[in-house]
Amino acid sequence: MDGFQAYGAGKAGGVFDPQTFFRQPQTIVRVLCWLFSIVILGCVANEGYTNRPEDFQEFCIFNRNQNACSYAISMGTLCFLCSTAFLALDVYFPQISGVKDRKKAVMADIGVSALWSLVWFVGFCFLANQWQVSQIEDIPLNEGAAAARASIIFSFFSVFTWAVQCLLAVYTFKLGADSVTFSGEYIDPNQQEALEEAPPTEA
């Protein structure tokens, strides 16, 4: 039972090892998703708006479509928060003692990762299309062009990082389904030792 694995992690109560954690493929991909969301958010929020000398109001550099900039900023913010939350869950995951709770966490990871992959695919298509039809005169001195291209590129990358994250979660789910030989709760090692050391009660 020492080698027991429940959905990719051993029994609850183990010591957290940062080196092992950050070397896991799941963690690496999760960090990439987190970084890409920051890049997209930063590019559009900082350089996604401009104005021509004769205008007095800023407009979105993506074909003057406010929805394009709003989409990128909103999704970048939500993706950043979601990635942060799941990174925290990954850290806490080995401490979850219930097999059913671990299963729910892995299933949530599968669903959320698949959803974000779809969201960024839509975002990539939307931003790329709006940038393609943008007017040259709306971007004086090519201001913000690099940021626009970067947000499009990293939206494209995000489609694959979240898809890979989904596949890793599916693998973890299958691993857990194959390795768990019983259902319900399993006892924390510390609790198990306490039960073994406790004297038998008299009838």
N, C-alpha and C. Protein backbone atom coordinates (compact mmCIF):
# COMPACT_ATOMS: atom_id res chain seq x y z
N MET A 1 0.81 -1.21 0.00
CA MET A 1 0.00 0.00 0.00
C MET A 1 0.84 1.26 0.00
N ASP A 2 2.15 1.15 0.25
CA ASP A 2 2.99 2.34 0.27
C ASP A 2 3.03 3.01 -1.09
N GLY A 3 2.87 2.24 -2.16
CA GLY A 3 2.93 2.82 -3.49
C GLY A 3 1.58 3.19 -4.04
N PHE A 4 0.56 3.18 -3.17
CA PHE A 4 -0.80 3.47 -3.62
C PHE A 4 -0.89 4.87 -4.22
N GLN A 5 -1.52 4.97 -5.37
CA GLN A 5 -1.71 6.25 -6.04
C GLN A 5 -3.20 6.44 -6.29
N ALA A 6 -3.74 7.59 -5.89
CA ALA A 6 -5.14 7.91 -6.15
C ALA A 6 -5.20 9.15 -7.04
N TYR A 7 -5.50 8.94 -8.32
CA TYR A 7 -5.58 10.03 -9.28
C TYR A 7 -4.29 10.86 -9.34
N GLY A 8 -3.18 10.14 -9.47
CA GLY A 8 -1.91 10.81 -9.70
C GLY A 8 -1.18 11.26 -8.46
N ALA A 9 -1.71 11.01 -7.28
CA ALA A 9 -1.03 11.41 -6.05
C ALA A 9 -1.15 10.29 -5.02
N GLY A 10 -0.18 10.25 -4.12
CA GLY A 10 -0.19 9.23 -3.09
C GLY A 10 -1.18 9.54 -1.99
N LYS A 11 -1.10 8.78 -0.93
CA LYS A 11 -1.99 8.99 0.20
C LYS A 11 -1.81 10.39 0.78
N ALA A 12 -2.88 10.90 1.36
CA ALA A 12 -2.83 12.23 1.97
C ALA A 12 -1.89 12.22 3.16
N GLY A 13 -1.34 13.39 3.45
CA GLY A 13 -0.46 13.51 4.61
C GLY A 13 1.00 13.59 4.25
N GLY A 14 1.34 13.48 2.97
CA GLY A 14 2.74 13.56 2.56
C GLY A 14 3.27 14.98 2.61
N VAL A 15 4.59 15.11 2.58
CA VAL A 15 5.24 16.43 2.63
C VAL A 15 5.30 17.00 1.22
N PHE A 16 4.96 18.29 1.09
CA PHE A 16 4.99 18.96 -0.22
C PHE A 16 6.43 19.17 -0.66
N ASP A 17 6.74 18.73 -1.87
CA ASP A 17 8.09 18.86 -2.44
C ASP A 17 8.02 19.81 -3.63
N PRO A 18 8.48 21.06 -3.48
CA PRO A 18 8.40 22.04 -4.58
C PRO A 18 9.12 21.59 -5.85
N GLN A 19 10.30 20.97 -5.69
CA GLN A 19 11.05 20.54 -6.87
C GLN A 19 10.27 19.52 -7.69
N THR A 20 9.71 18.52 -7.01
CA THR A 20 8.92 17.50 -7.70
C THR A 20 7.67 18.12 -8.32
N PHE A 21 7.04 19.02 -7.59
CA PHE A 21 5.81 19.65 -8.06
C PHE A 21 6.03 20.43 -9.35
N PHE A 22 7.06 21.27 -9.38
CA PHE A 22 7.29 22.13 -10.55
C PHE A 22 7.92 21.39 -11.71
N ARG A 23 8.34 20.14 -11.52
CA ARG A 23 8.86 19.34 -12.62
C ARG A 23 7.77 18.50 -13.28
N GLN A 24 6.60 18.47 -12.68
CA GLN A 24 5.51 17.69 -13.26
C GLN A 24 5.02 18.33 -14.55
N PRO A 25 4.75 17.54 -15.59
CA PRO A 25 4.24 18.10 -16.85
C PRO A 25 2.98 18.93 -16.64
N GLN A 26 2.10 18.46 -15.78
CA GLN A 26 0.85 19.17 -15.53
C GLN A 26 1.12 20.57 -14.98
N THR A 27 2.08 20.69 -14.07
CA THR A 27 2.41 21.99 -13.49
C THR A 27 3.06 22.90 -14.52
N ILE A 28 3.95 22.35 -15.32
CA ILE A 28 4.63 23.14 -16.35
C ILE A 28 3.62 23.73 -17.33
N VAL A 29 2.70 22.90 -17.80
CA VAL A 29 1.69 23.37 -18.75
C VAL A 29 0.77 24.39 -18.08
N ARG A 30 0.44 24.14 -16.82
CA ARG A 30 -0.43 25.07 -16.09
C ARG A 30 0.23 26.44 -15.95
N VAL A 31 1.52 26.46 -15.68
CA VAL A 31 2.25 27.72 -15.56
C VAL A 31 2.29 28.44 -16.90
N LEU A 32 2.44 27.68 -17.99
CA LEU A 32 2.43 28.28 -19.32
C LEU A 32 1.07 28.94 -19.61
N CYS A 33 -0.01 28.25 -19.25
CA CYS A 33 -1.35 28.83 -19.42
C CYS A 33 -1.46 30.13 -18.64
N TRP A 34 -0.93 30.13 -17.44
CA TRP A 34 -0.95 31.30 -16.56
C TRP A 34 -0.15 32.46 -17.17
N LEU A 35 1.03 32.16 -17.67
CA LEU A 35 1.88 33.19 -18.28
C LEU A 35 1.27 33.75 -19.57
N PHE A 36 0.71 32.87 -20.40
CA PHE A 36 0.10 33.33 -21.65
C PHE A 36 -1.07 34.27 -21.39
N SER A 37 -1.85 33.98 -20.35
CA SER A 37 -2.97 34.86 -20.02
C SER A 37 -2.48 36.23 -19.60
N ILE A 38 -1.35 36.28 -18.88
CA ILE A 38 -0.77 37.56 -18.47
C ILE A 38 -0.30 38.34 -19.69
N VAL A 39 0.35 37.66 -20.63
CA VAL A 39 0.84 38.33 -21.85
C VAL A 39 -0.32 38.93 -22.64
N ILE A 40 -1.37 38.13 -22.85
CA ILE A 40 -2.52 38.61 -23.61
C ILE A 40 -3.18 39.80 -22.91
N LEU A 41 -3.39 39.65 -21.62
CA LEU A 41 -4.01 40.72 -20.84
C LEU A 41 -3.16 41.98 -20.88
N GLY A 42 -1.85 41.84 -20.68
CA GLY A 42 -0.96 43.00 -20.66
C GLY A 42 -0.88 43.70 -22.01
N CYS A 43 -0.80 42.91 -23.08
CA CYS A 43 -0.69 43.50 -24.42
C CYS A 43 -1.91 44.34 -24.78
N VAL A 44 -3.10 43.78 -24.56
CA VAL A 44 -4.32 44.48 -24.96
C VAL A 44 -4.66 45.62 -23.99
N ALA A 45 -4.47 45.39 -22.70
CA ALA A 45 -4.80 46.42 -21.73
C ALA A 45 -3.88 47.63 -21.84
N ASN A 46 -2.60 47.39 -22.14
CA ASN A 46 -1.62 48.49 -22.20
C ASN A 46 -1.52 49.16 -23.57
N GLU A 47 -1.60 48.37 -24.65
CA GLU A 47 -1.39 48.91 -25.98
C GLU A 47 -2.50 48.59 -26.96
N GLY A 48 -3.62 48.12 -26.44
CA GLY A 48 -4.72 47.74 -27.32
C GLY A 48 -5.61 48.90 -27.75
N TYR A 49 -5.34 50.07 -27.23
CA TYR A 49 -6.15 51.24 -27.57
C TYR A 49 -5.24 52.35 -28.09
N THR A 50 -5.72 53.06 -29.08
CA THR A 50 -4.96 54.17 -29.66
C THR A 50 -5.94 55.20 -30.19
N ASN A 51 -5.42 56.31 -30.71
CA ASN A 51 -6.27 57.32 -31.34
C ASN A 51 -5.45 58.08 -32.38
N ARG A 52 -6.14 58.55 -33.40
CA ARG A 52 -5.49 59.36 -34.42
C ARG A 52 -5.40 60.81 -33.93
N PRO A 53 -4.47 61.59 -34.47
CA PRO A 53 -4.30 62.98 -34.00
C PRO A 53 -5.59 63.79 -34.04
N GLU A 54 -6.44 63.53 -35.04
CA GLU A 54 -7.66 64.32 -35.15
C GLU A 54 -8.79 63.81 -34.25
N ASP A 55 -8.57 62.65 -33.62
CA ASP A 55 -9.60 62.10 -32.73
C ASP A 55 -9.31 62.49 -31.29
N PHE A 56 -10.36 62.56 -30.52
CA PHE A 56 -10.23 62.88 -29.11
C PHE A 56 -10.60 61.71 -28.22
N GLN A 57 -10.93 60.58 -28.83
CA GLN A 57 -11.36 59.41 -28.07
C GLN A 57 -10.56 58.19 -28.52
N GLU A 58 -10.11 57.41 -27.54
CA GLU A 58 -9.37 56.20 -27.87
C GLU A 58 -10.30 55.14 -28.44
N PHE A 59 -9.73 54.29 -29.29
CA PHE A 59 -10.51 53.18 -29.84
C PHE A 59 -9.62 51.95 -29.89
N CYS A 60 -10.27 50.81 -29.98
CA CYS A 60 -9.56 49.52 -30.02
C CYS A 60 -8.82 49.38 -31.34
N ILE A 61 -7.58 48.92 -31.29
CA ILE A 61 -6.78 48.81 -32.51
C ILE A 61 -7.25 47.65 -33.40
N PHE A 62 -8.09 46.78 -32.84
CA PHE A 62 -8.64 45.68 -33.64
C PHE A 62 -9.87 46.17 -34.39
N ASN A 63 -9.65 46.85 -35.51
CA ASN A 63 -10.73 47.31 -36.38
C ASN A 63 -11.72 48.22 -35.65
N ARG A 64 -11.24 48.97 -34.69
CA ARG A 64 -12.10 49.86 -33.89
C ARG A 64 -13.25 49.10 -33.22
N ASN A 65 -13.06 47.81 -33.02
CA ASN A 65 -14.11 46.97 -32.43
C ASN A 65 -13.86 46.84 -30.93
N GLN A 66 -14.65 47.55 -30.17
CA GLN A 66 -14.48 47.53 -28.73
C GLN A 66 -14.66 46.12 -28.15
N ASN A 67 -15.53 45.34 -28.79
CA ASN A 67 -15.77 43.97 -28.31
C ASN A 67 -14.52 43.11 -28.38
N ALA A 68 -13.66 43.34 -29.37
CA ALA A 68 -12.43 42.55 -29.51
C ALA A 68 -11.50 42.79 -28.32
N CYS A 69 -11.29 44.06 -27.98
CA CYS A 69 -10.42 44.37 -26.84
C CYS A 69 -11.05 43.91 -25.53
N SER A 70 -12.35 44.10 -25.40
CA SER A 70 -13.05 43.69 -24.18
C SER A 70 -12.97 42.18 -23.99
N TYR A 71 -13.11 41.45 -25.09
CA TYR A 71 -13.03 39.98 -25.04
C TYR A 71 -11.65 39.55 -24.56
N ALA A 72 -10.60 40.12 -25.16
CA ALA A 72 -9.23 39.72 -24.81
C ALA A 72 -8.92 40.06 -23.35
N ILE A 73 -9.33 41.23 -22.91
CA ILE A 73 -9.05 41.64 -21.53
C ILE A 73 -9.84 40.80 -20.54
N SER A 74 -11.12 40.58 -20.83
CA SER A 74 -11.96 39.79 -19.93
C SER A 74 -11.48 38.35 -19.83
N MET A 75 -11.23 37.73 -20.98
CA MET A 75 -10.79 36.35 -20.98
C MET A 75 -9.39 36.21 -20.39
N GLY A 76 -8.53 37.19 -20.65
CA GLY A 76 -7.20 37.15 -20.06
C GLY A 76 -7.25 37.22 -18.55
N THR A 77 -8.12 38.08 -18.03
CA THR A 77 -8.27 38.22 -16.58
C THR A 77 -8.84 36.94 -15.96
N LEU A 78 -9.92 36.43 -16.56
CA LEU A 78 -10.55 35.22 -16.03
C LEU A 78 -9.62 34.02 -16.12
N CYS A 79 -8.87 33.94 -17.22
CA CYS A 79 -7.93 32.82 -17.40
C CYS A 79 -6.81 32.89 -16.37
N PHE A 80 -6.33 34.10 -16.09
CA PHE A 80 -5.31 34.28 -15.07
C PHE A 80 -5.80 33.81 -13.71
N LEU A 81 -7.01 34.21 -13.34
CA LEU A 81 -7.59 33.82 -12.05
C LEU A 81 -7.84 32.31 -11.99
N CYS A 82 -8.33 31.76 -13.10
CA CYS A 82 -8.61 30.32 -13.15
C CYS A 82 -7.32 29.50 -13.05
N SER A 83 -6.28 29.94 -13.77
CA SER A 83 -5.00 29.23 -13.72
C SER A 83 -4.40 29.30 -12.31
N THR A 84 -4.53 30.45 -11.67
CA THR A 84 -4.02 30.60 -10.31
C THR A 84 -4.76 29.67 -9.35
N ALA A 85 -6.09 29.59 -9.50
CA ALA A 85 -6.90 28.74 -8.64
C ALA A 85 -6.53 27.26 -8.81
N PHE A 86 -6.34 26.84 -10.06
CA PHE A 86 -6.00 25.43 -10.29
C PHE A 86 -4.56 25.11 -9.89
N LEU A 87 -3.67 26.10 -9.96
CA LEU A 87 -2.32 25.87 -9.43
C LEU A 87 -2.38 25.64 -7.93
N ALA A 88 -3.20 26.43 -7.25
CA ALA A 88 -3.38 26.25 -5.81
C ALA A 88 -4.00 24.88 -5.52
N LEU A 89 -4.95 24.46 -6.36
CA LEU A 89 -5.57 23.15 -6.18
C LEU A 89 -4.55 22.04 -6.41
N ASP A 90 -3.66 22.22 -7.38
CA ASP A 90 -2.62 21.22 -7.63
C ASP A 90 -1.70 21.05 -6.42
N VAL A 91 -1.41 22.17 -5.76
CA VAL A 91 -0.58 22.12 -4.55
C VAL A 91 -1.31 21.37 -3.44
N TYR A 92 -2.59 21.64 -3.31
CA TYR A 92 -3.39 21.05 -2.23
C TYR A 92 -3.84 19.63 -2.54
N PHE A 93 -3.84 19.26 -3.82
CA PHE A 93 -4.43 17.99 -4.26
C PHE A 93 -3.92 16.77 -3.47
N PRO A 94 -2.61 16.62 -3.24
CA PRO A 94 -2.15 15.44 -2.49
C PRO A 94 -2.68 15.37 -1.06
N GLN A 95 -3.17 16.50 -0.53
CA GLN A 95 -3.68 16.51 0.83
C GLN A 95 -5.16 16.12 0.89
N ILE A 96 -5.79 15.99 -0.26
CA ILE A 96 -7.20 15.57 -0.28
C ILE A 96 -7.26 14.08 0.02
N SER A 97 -7.94 13.72 1.10
CA SER A 97 -7.93 12.33 1.54
C SER A 97 -9.03 11.49 0.91
N GLY A 98 -10.04 12.13 0.35
CA GLY A 98 -11.14 11.37 -0.24
C GLY A 98 -10.93 11.08 -1.70
N VAL A 99 -11.04 9.83 -2.09
CA VAL A 99 -10.89 9.44 -3.49
C VAL A 99 -11.96 10.10 -4.35
N LYS A 100 -13.17 10.18 -3.83
CA LYS A 100 -14.27 10.80 -4.58
C LYS A 100 -14.00 12.29 -4.79
N ASP A 101 -13.44 12.94 -3.77
CA ASP A 101 -13.12 14.37 -3.91
C ASP A 101 -12.02 14.58 -4.94
N ARG A 102 -11.05 13.69 -4.95
CA ARG A 102 -9.98 13.78 -5.94
C ARG A 102 -10.55 13.60 -7.35
N LYS A 103 -11.47 12.66 -7.48
CA LYS A 103 -12.10 12.40 -8.77
C LYS A 103 -12.84 13.65 -9.26
N LYS A 104 -13.56 14.31 -8.36
CA LYS A 104 -14.29 15.53 -8.73
C LYS A 104 -13.33 16.63 -9.18
N ALA A 105 -12.19 16.75 -8.48
CA ALA A 105 -11.21 17.77 -8.83
C ALA A 105 -10.63 17.52 -10.23
N VAL A 106 -10.32 16.26 -10.52
CA VAL A 106 -9.76 15.91 -11.83
C VAL A 106 -10.80 16.13 -12.93
N MET A 107 -12.05 15.76 -12.67
CA MET A 107 -13.11 15.97 -13.66
C MET A 107 -13.34 17.46 -13.92
N ALA A 108 -13.25 18.26 -12.86
CA ALA A 108 -13.37 19.71 -13.03
C ALA A 108 -12.24 20.25 -13.89
N ASP A 109 -11.04 19.71 -13.68
CA ASP A 109 -9.88 20.12 -14.47
C ASP A 109 -10.09 19.80 -15.95
N ILE A 110 -10.65 18.63 -16.23
CA ILE A 110 -10.92 18.23 -17.61
C ILE A 110 -11.90 19.20 -18.27
N GLY A 111 -13.01 19.46 -17.56
CA GLY A 111 -14.04 20.33 -18.12
C GLY A 111 -13.57 21.76 -18.33
N VAL A 112 -12.88 22.31 -17.32
CA VAL A 112 -12.41 23.69 -17.40
C VAL A 112 -11.35 23.84 -18.48
N SER A 113 -10.44 22.89 -18.57
CA SER A 113 -9.38 22.96 -19.58
C SER A 113 -9.94 22.89 -20.99
N ALA A 114 -10.91 22.00 -21.20
CA ALA A 114 -11.55 21.89 -22.52
C ALA A 114 -12.28 23.19 -22.86
N LEU A 115 -12.95 23.76 -21.86
CA LEU A 115 -13.68 25.01 -22.09
C LEU A 115 -12.73 26.15 -22.47
N TRP A 116 -11.60 26.26 -21.75
CA TRP A 116 -10.65 27.34 -22.04
C TRP A 116 -9.99 27.16 -23.40
N SER A 117 -9.76 25.92 -23.79
CA SER A 117 -9.20 25.68 -25.12
C SER A 117 -10.16 26.19 -26.20
N LEU A 118 -11.46 25.96 -26.00
CA LEU A 118 -12.46 26.45 -26.93
C LEU A 118 -12.55 27.98 -26.90
N VAL A 119 -12.50 28.55 -25.68
CA VAL A 119 -12.59 30.00 -25.54
C VAL A 119 -11.44 30.69 -26.27
N TRP A 120 -10.23 30.16 -26.13
CA TRP A 120 -9.08 30.79 -26.78
C TRP A 120 -9.07 30.54 -28.28
N PHE A 121 -9.67 29.43 -28.74
CA PHE A 121 -9.81 29.22 -30.18
C PHE A 121 -10.73 30.29 -30.78
N VAL A 122 -11.84 30.54 -30.09
CA VAL A 122 -12.75 31.59 -30.54
C VAL A 122 -12.05 32.95 -30.48
N GLY A 123 -11.31 33.18 -29.39
CA GLY A 123 -10.60 34.45 -29.25
C GLY A 123 -9.55 34.65 -30.33
N PHE A 124 -8.81 33.60 -30.65
CA PHE A 124 -7.79 33.69 -31.70
C PHE A 124 -8.43 34.04 -33.04
N CYS A 125 -9.50 33.33 -33.39
CA CYS A 125 -10.18 33.59 -34.66
C CYS A 125 -10.74 35.01 -34.70
N PHE A 126 -11.33 35.44 -33.59
CA PHE A 126 -11.94 36.77 -33.51
C PHE A 126 -10.89 37.87 -33.65
N LEU A 127 -9.82 37.77 -32.85
CA LEU A 127 -8.78 38.79 -32.88
C LEU A 127 -8.05 38.82 -34.23
N ALA A 128 -7.74 37.63 -34.76
CA ALA A 128 -7.04 37.56 -36.04
C ALA A 128 -7.87 38.17 -37.16
N ASN A 129 -9.17 37.89 -37.15
CA ASN A 129 -10.05 38.44 -38.17
C ASN A 129 -10.16 39.96 -38.07
N GLN A 130 -10.33 40.46 -36.85
CA GLN A 130 -10.47 41.90 -36.67
C GLN A 130 -9.17 42.64 -36.98
N TRP A 131 -8.04 42.02 -36.69
CA TRP A 131 -6.76 42.64 -37.01
C TRP A 131 -6.54 42.66 -38.52
N GLN A 132 -6.97 41.61 -39.18
CA GLN A 132 -6.79 41.51 -40.63
C GLN A 132 -7.57 42.60 -41.37
N VAL A 133 -8.75 42.95 -40.87
CA VAL A 133 -9.58 43.94 -41.56
C VAL A 133 -9.39 45.35 -41.01
N SER A 134 -8.43 45.53 -40.09
CA SER A 134 -8.17 46.85 -39.53
C SER A 134 -7.59 47.77 -40.61
N GLN A 135 -7.94 49.03 -40.53
CA GLN A 135 -7.46 50.02 -41.49
C GLN A 135 -6.09 50.55 -41.07
N ILE A 136 -5.18 50.69 -42.03
CA ILE A 136 -3.83 51.17 -41.74
C ILE A 136 -3.86 52.57 -41.13
N GLU A 137 -4.77 53.40 -41.62
CA GLU A 137 -4.83 54.78 -41.11
C GLU A 137 -5.31 54.86 -39.68
N ASP A 138 -5.91 53.78 -39.19
CA ASP A 138 -6.36 53.77 -37.79
C ASP A 138 -5.23 53.45 -36.83
N ILE A 139 -4.06 53.09 -37.37
CA ILE A 139 -2.93 52.73 -36.51
C ILE A 139 -1.75 53.62 -36.88
N PRO A 140 -1.73 54.87 -36.42
CA PRO A 140 -0.64 55.79 -36.76
C PRO A 140 0.70 55.29 -36.25
N LEU A 141 1.71 55.36 -37.13
CA LEU A 141 3.07 54.92 -36.79
C LEU A 141 3.12 53.47 -36.33
N ASN A 142 2.12 52.71 -36.78
CA ASN A 142 2.07 51.28 -36.42
C ASN A 142 2.03 51.06 -34.91
N GLU A 143 1.49 52.03 -34.21
CA GLU A 143 1.45 51.97 -32.75
C GLU A 143 0.54 50.83 -32.28
N GLY A 144 1.05 49.99 -31.42
CA GLY A 144 0.28 48.88 -30.87
C GLY A 144 0.25 47.64 -31.74
N ALA A 145 0.88 47.70 -32.92
CA ALA A 145 0.84 46.55 -33.83
C ALA A 145 1.53 45.33 -33.23
N ALA A 146 2.66 45.55 -32.60
CA ALA A 146 3.40 44.42 -32.00
C ALA A 146 2.58 43.77 -30.89
N ALA A 147 1.91 44.60 -30.08
CA ALA A 147 1.09 44.08 -29.00
C ALA A 147 -0.10 43.30 -29.55
N ALA A 148 -0.69 43.80 -30.64
CA ALA A 148 -1.83 43.12 -31.25
C ALA A 148 -1.41 41.75 -31.78
N ARG A 149 -0.27 41.72 -32.47
CA ARG A 149 0.21 40.43 -33.01
C ARG A 149 0.56 39.47 -31.88
N ALA A 150 1.15 40.00 -30.81
CA ALA A 150 1.52 39.14 -29.68
C ALA A 150 0.28 38.54 -29.02
N SER A 151 -0.77 39.34 -28.86
CA SER A 151 -2.00 38.83 -28.25
C SER A 151 -2.63 37.74 -29.12
N ILE A 152 -2.55 37.91 -30.46
CA ILE A 152 -3.08 36.90 -31.37
C ILE A 152 -2.26 35.61 -31.29
N ILE A 153 -0.93 35.76 -31.30
CA ILE A 153 -0.04 34.59 -31.24
C ILE A 153 -0.23 33.81 -29.95
N PHE A 154 -0.30 34.52 -28.83
CA PHE A 154 -0.42 33.82 -27.55
C PHE A 154 -1.84 33.28 -27.33
N SER A 155 -2.83 33.86 -27.99
CA SER A 155 -4.16 33.25 -27.98
C SER A 155 -4.11 31.90 -28.70
N PHE A 156 -3.36 31.87 -29.80
CA PHE A 156 -3.18 30.62 -30.56
C PHE A 156 -2.45 29.58 -29.71
N PHE A 157 -1.38 30.00 -29.04
CA PHE A 157 -0.64 29.08 -28.17
C PHE A 157 -1.52 28.56 -27.03
N SER A 158 -2.38 29.44 -26.52
CA SER A 158 -3.23 29.06 -25.39
C SER A 158 -4.21 27.95 -25.75
N VAL A 159 -4.62 27.92 -27.03
CA VAL A 159 -5.51 26.84 -27.47
C VAL A 159 -4.85 25.49 -27.21
N PHE A 160 -3.58 25.38 -27.53
CA PHE A 160 -2.87 24.11 -27.41
C PHE A 160 -2.45 23.81 -25.97
N THR A 161 -2.04 24.84 -25.22
CA THR A 161 -1.64 24.57 -23.83
C THR A 161 -2.82 24.07 -23.01
N TRP A 162 -4.00 24.69 -23.22
CA TRP A 162 -5.18 24.22 -22.49
C TRP A 162 -5.65 22.86 -22.99
N ALA A 163 -5.47 22.60 -24.28
CA ALA A 163 -5.82 21.27 -24.82
C ALA A 163 -4.90 20.20 -24.23
N VAL A 164 -3.61 20.52 -24.14
CA VAL A 164 -2.66 19.58 -23.52
C VAL A 164 -3.01 19.38 -22.05
N GLN A 165 -3.38 20.46 -21.37
CA GLN A 165 -3.77 20.36 -19.97
C GLN A 165 -4.99 19.44 -19.81
N CYS A 166 -5.92 19.55 -20.75
CA CYS A 166 -7.10 18.68 -20.73
C CYS A 166 -6.70 17.22 -20.92
N LEU A 167 -5.79 16.96 -21.86
CA LEU A 167 -5.34 15.59 -22.11
C LEU A 167 -4.60 15.01 -20.89
N LEU A 168 -3.79 15.85 -20.23
CA LEU A 168 -3.09 15.40 -19.03
C LEU A 168 -4.09 15.07 -17.92
N ALA A 169 -5.14 15.86 -17.81
CA ALA A 169 -6.17 15.60 -16.80
C ALA A 169 -6.92 14.31 -17.12
N VAL A 170 -7.18 14.08 -18.42
CA VAL A 170 -7.84 12.83 -18.83
C VAL A 170 -6.95 11.63 -18.49
N TYR A 171 -5.64 11.78 -18.73
CA TYR A 171 -4.69 10.71 -18.39
C TYR A 171 -4.70 10.44 -16.88
N THR A 172 -4.71 11.52 -16.09
CA THR A 172 -4.76 11.38 -14.64
C THR A 172 -6.05 10.68 -14.21
N PHE A 173 -7.14 11.03 -14.85
CA PHE A 173 -8.43 10.41 -14.53
C PHE A 173 -8.40 8.91 -14.81
N LYS A 174 -7.87 8.55 -16.00
CA LYS A 174 -7.78 7.14 -16.35
C LYS A 174 -6.83 6.39 -15.41
N LEU A 175 -5.73 7.05 -15.05
CA LEU A 175 -4.78 6.46 -14.12
C LEU A 175 -5.44 6.19 -12.78
N GLY A 176 -6.23 7.15 -12.33
CA GLY A 176 -6.93 6.99 -11.06
C GLY A 176 -7.98 5.91 -11.12
N ALA A 177 -8.72 5.85 -12.24
CA ALA A 177 -9.76 4.85 -12.38
C ALA A 177 -9.17 3.44 -12.41
N ASP A 178 -7.98 3.29 -12.97
CA ASP A 178 -7.33 1.98 -13.06
C ASP A 178 -6.65 1.58 -11.76
N SER A 179 -6.15 2.58 -11.00
CA SER A 179 -5.34 2.26 -9.83
C SER A 179 -6.14 2.15 -8.54
N VAL A 180 -7.26 2.83 -8.48
CA VAL A 180 -8.05 2.78 -7.26
C VAL A 180 -8.82 1.46 -7.23
N THR A 181 -8.52 0.64 -6.27
CA THR A 181 -9.14 -0.68 -6.19
C THR A 181 -10.33 -0.71 -5.26
N PHE A 182 -10.62 0.43 -4.67
CA PHE A 182 -11.78 0.51 -3.81
C PHE A 182 -12.33 1.93 -3.91
N SER A 183 -13.55 2.11 -3.49
CA SER A 183 -14.18 3.42 -3.56
C SER A 183 -14.38 3.96 -2.17
N GLY A 184 -14.77 5.21 -2.09
CA GLY A 184 -15.01 5.85 -0.81
C GLY A 184 -13.77 6.52 -0.27
N GLU A 185 -13.68 6.59 1.05
CA GLU A 185 -12.60 7.30 1.71
C GLU A 185 -11.49 6.33 2.08
N TYR A 186 -10.24 6.77 1.99
CA TYR A 186 -9.15 6.00 2.56
C TYR A 186 -8.54 6.80 3.70
N ILE A 187 -7.97 6.13 4.63
CA ILE A 187 -7.55 6.75 5.89
C ILE A 187 -6.18 7.39 5.74
N ASP A 188 -6.03 8.57 6.28
CA ASP A 188 -4.75 9.27 6.32
C ASP A 188 -3.75 8.39 7.06
N PRO A 189 -2.49 8.31 6.61
CA PRO A 189 -1.49 7.46 7.26
C PRO A 189 -1.35 7.75 8.74
N ASN A 190 -1.40 9.01 9.14
CA ASN A 190 -1.27 9.36 10.55
C ASN A 190 -2.44 8.79 11.36
N GLN A 191 -3.65 8.87 10.79
CA GLN A 191 -4.81 8.32 11.47
C GLN A 191 -4.72 6.80 11.56
N GLN A 192 -4.18 6.18 10.50
CA GLN A 192 -4.04 4.73 10.48
C GLN A 192 -3.10 4.26 11.58
N GLU A 193 -1.96 5.00 11.75
CA GLU A 193 -1.01 4.63 12.79
C GLU A 193 -1.63 4.78 14.17
N ALA A 194 -2.44 5.83 14.35
CA ALA A 194 -3.08 6.05 15.64
C ALA A 194 -4.05 4.93 15.96
N LEU A 195 -4.76 4.46 14.94
CA LEU A 195 -5.71 3.36 15.15
C LEU A 195 -4.99 2.06 15.49
N GLU A 196 -3.84 1.85 14.83
CA GLU A 196 -3.10 0.61 15.09
C GLU A 196 -2.48 0.59 16.48
N GLU A 197 -2.06 1.78 16.97
CA GLU A 197 -1.43 1.85 18.28
C GLU A 197 -2.43 1.89 19.42
N ALA A 198 -3.67 2.22 19.13
CA ALA A 198 -4.68 2.31 20.19
C ALA A 198 -4.97 0.93 20.74
N PRO A 199 -5.08 0.80 22.09
CA PRO A 199 -5.37 -0.50 22.70
C PRO A 199 -6.79 -0.94 22.37
N PRO A 200 -7.01 -2.24 22.25
CA PRO A 200 -8.36 -2.72 21.92
C PRO A 200 -9.32 -2.40 23.05
N THR A 201 -10.52 -2.06 22.71
CA THR A 201 -11.54 -1.75 23.72
C THR A 201 -12.22 -3.02 24.19
N GLU A 202 -12.53 -3.06 25.48
CA GLU A 202 -13.20 -4.25 26.04
C GLU A 202 -14.68 -4.20 25.71
N ALA A 203 -15.21 -5.38 25.47
CA ALA A 203 -16.64 -5.46 25.14
C ALA A 203 -17.48 -5.22 26.39
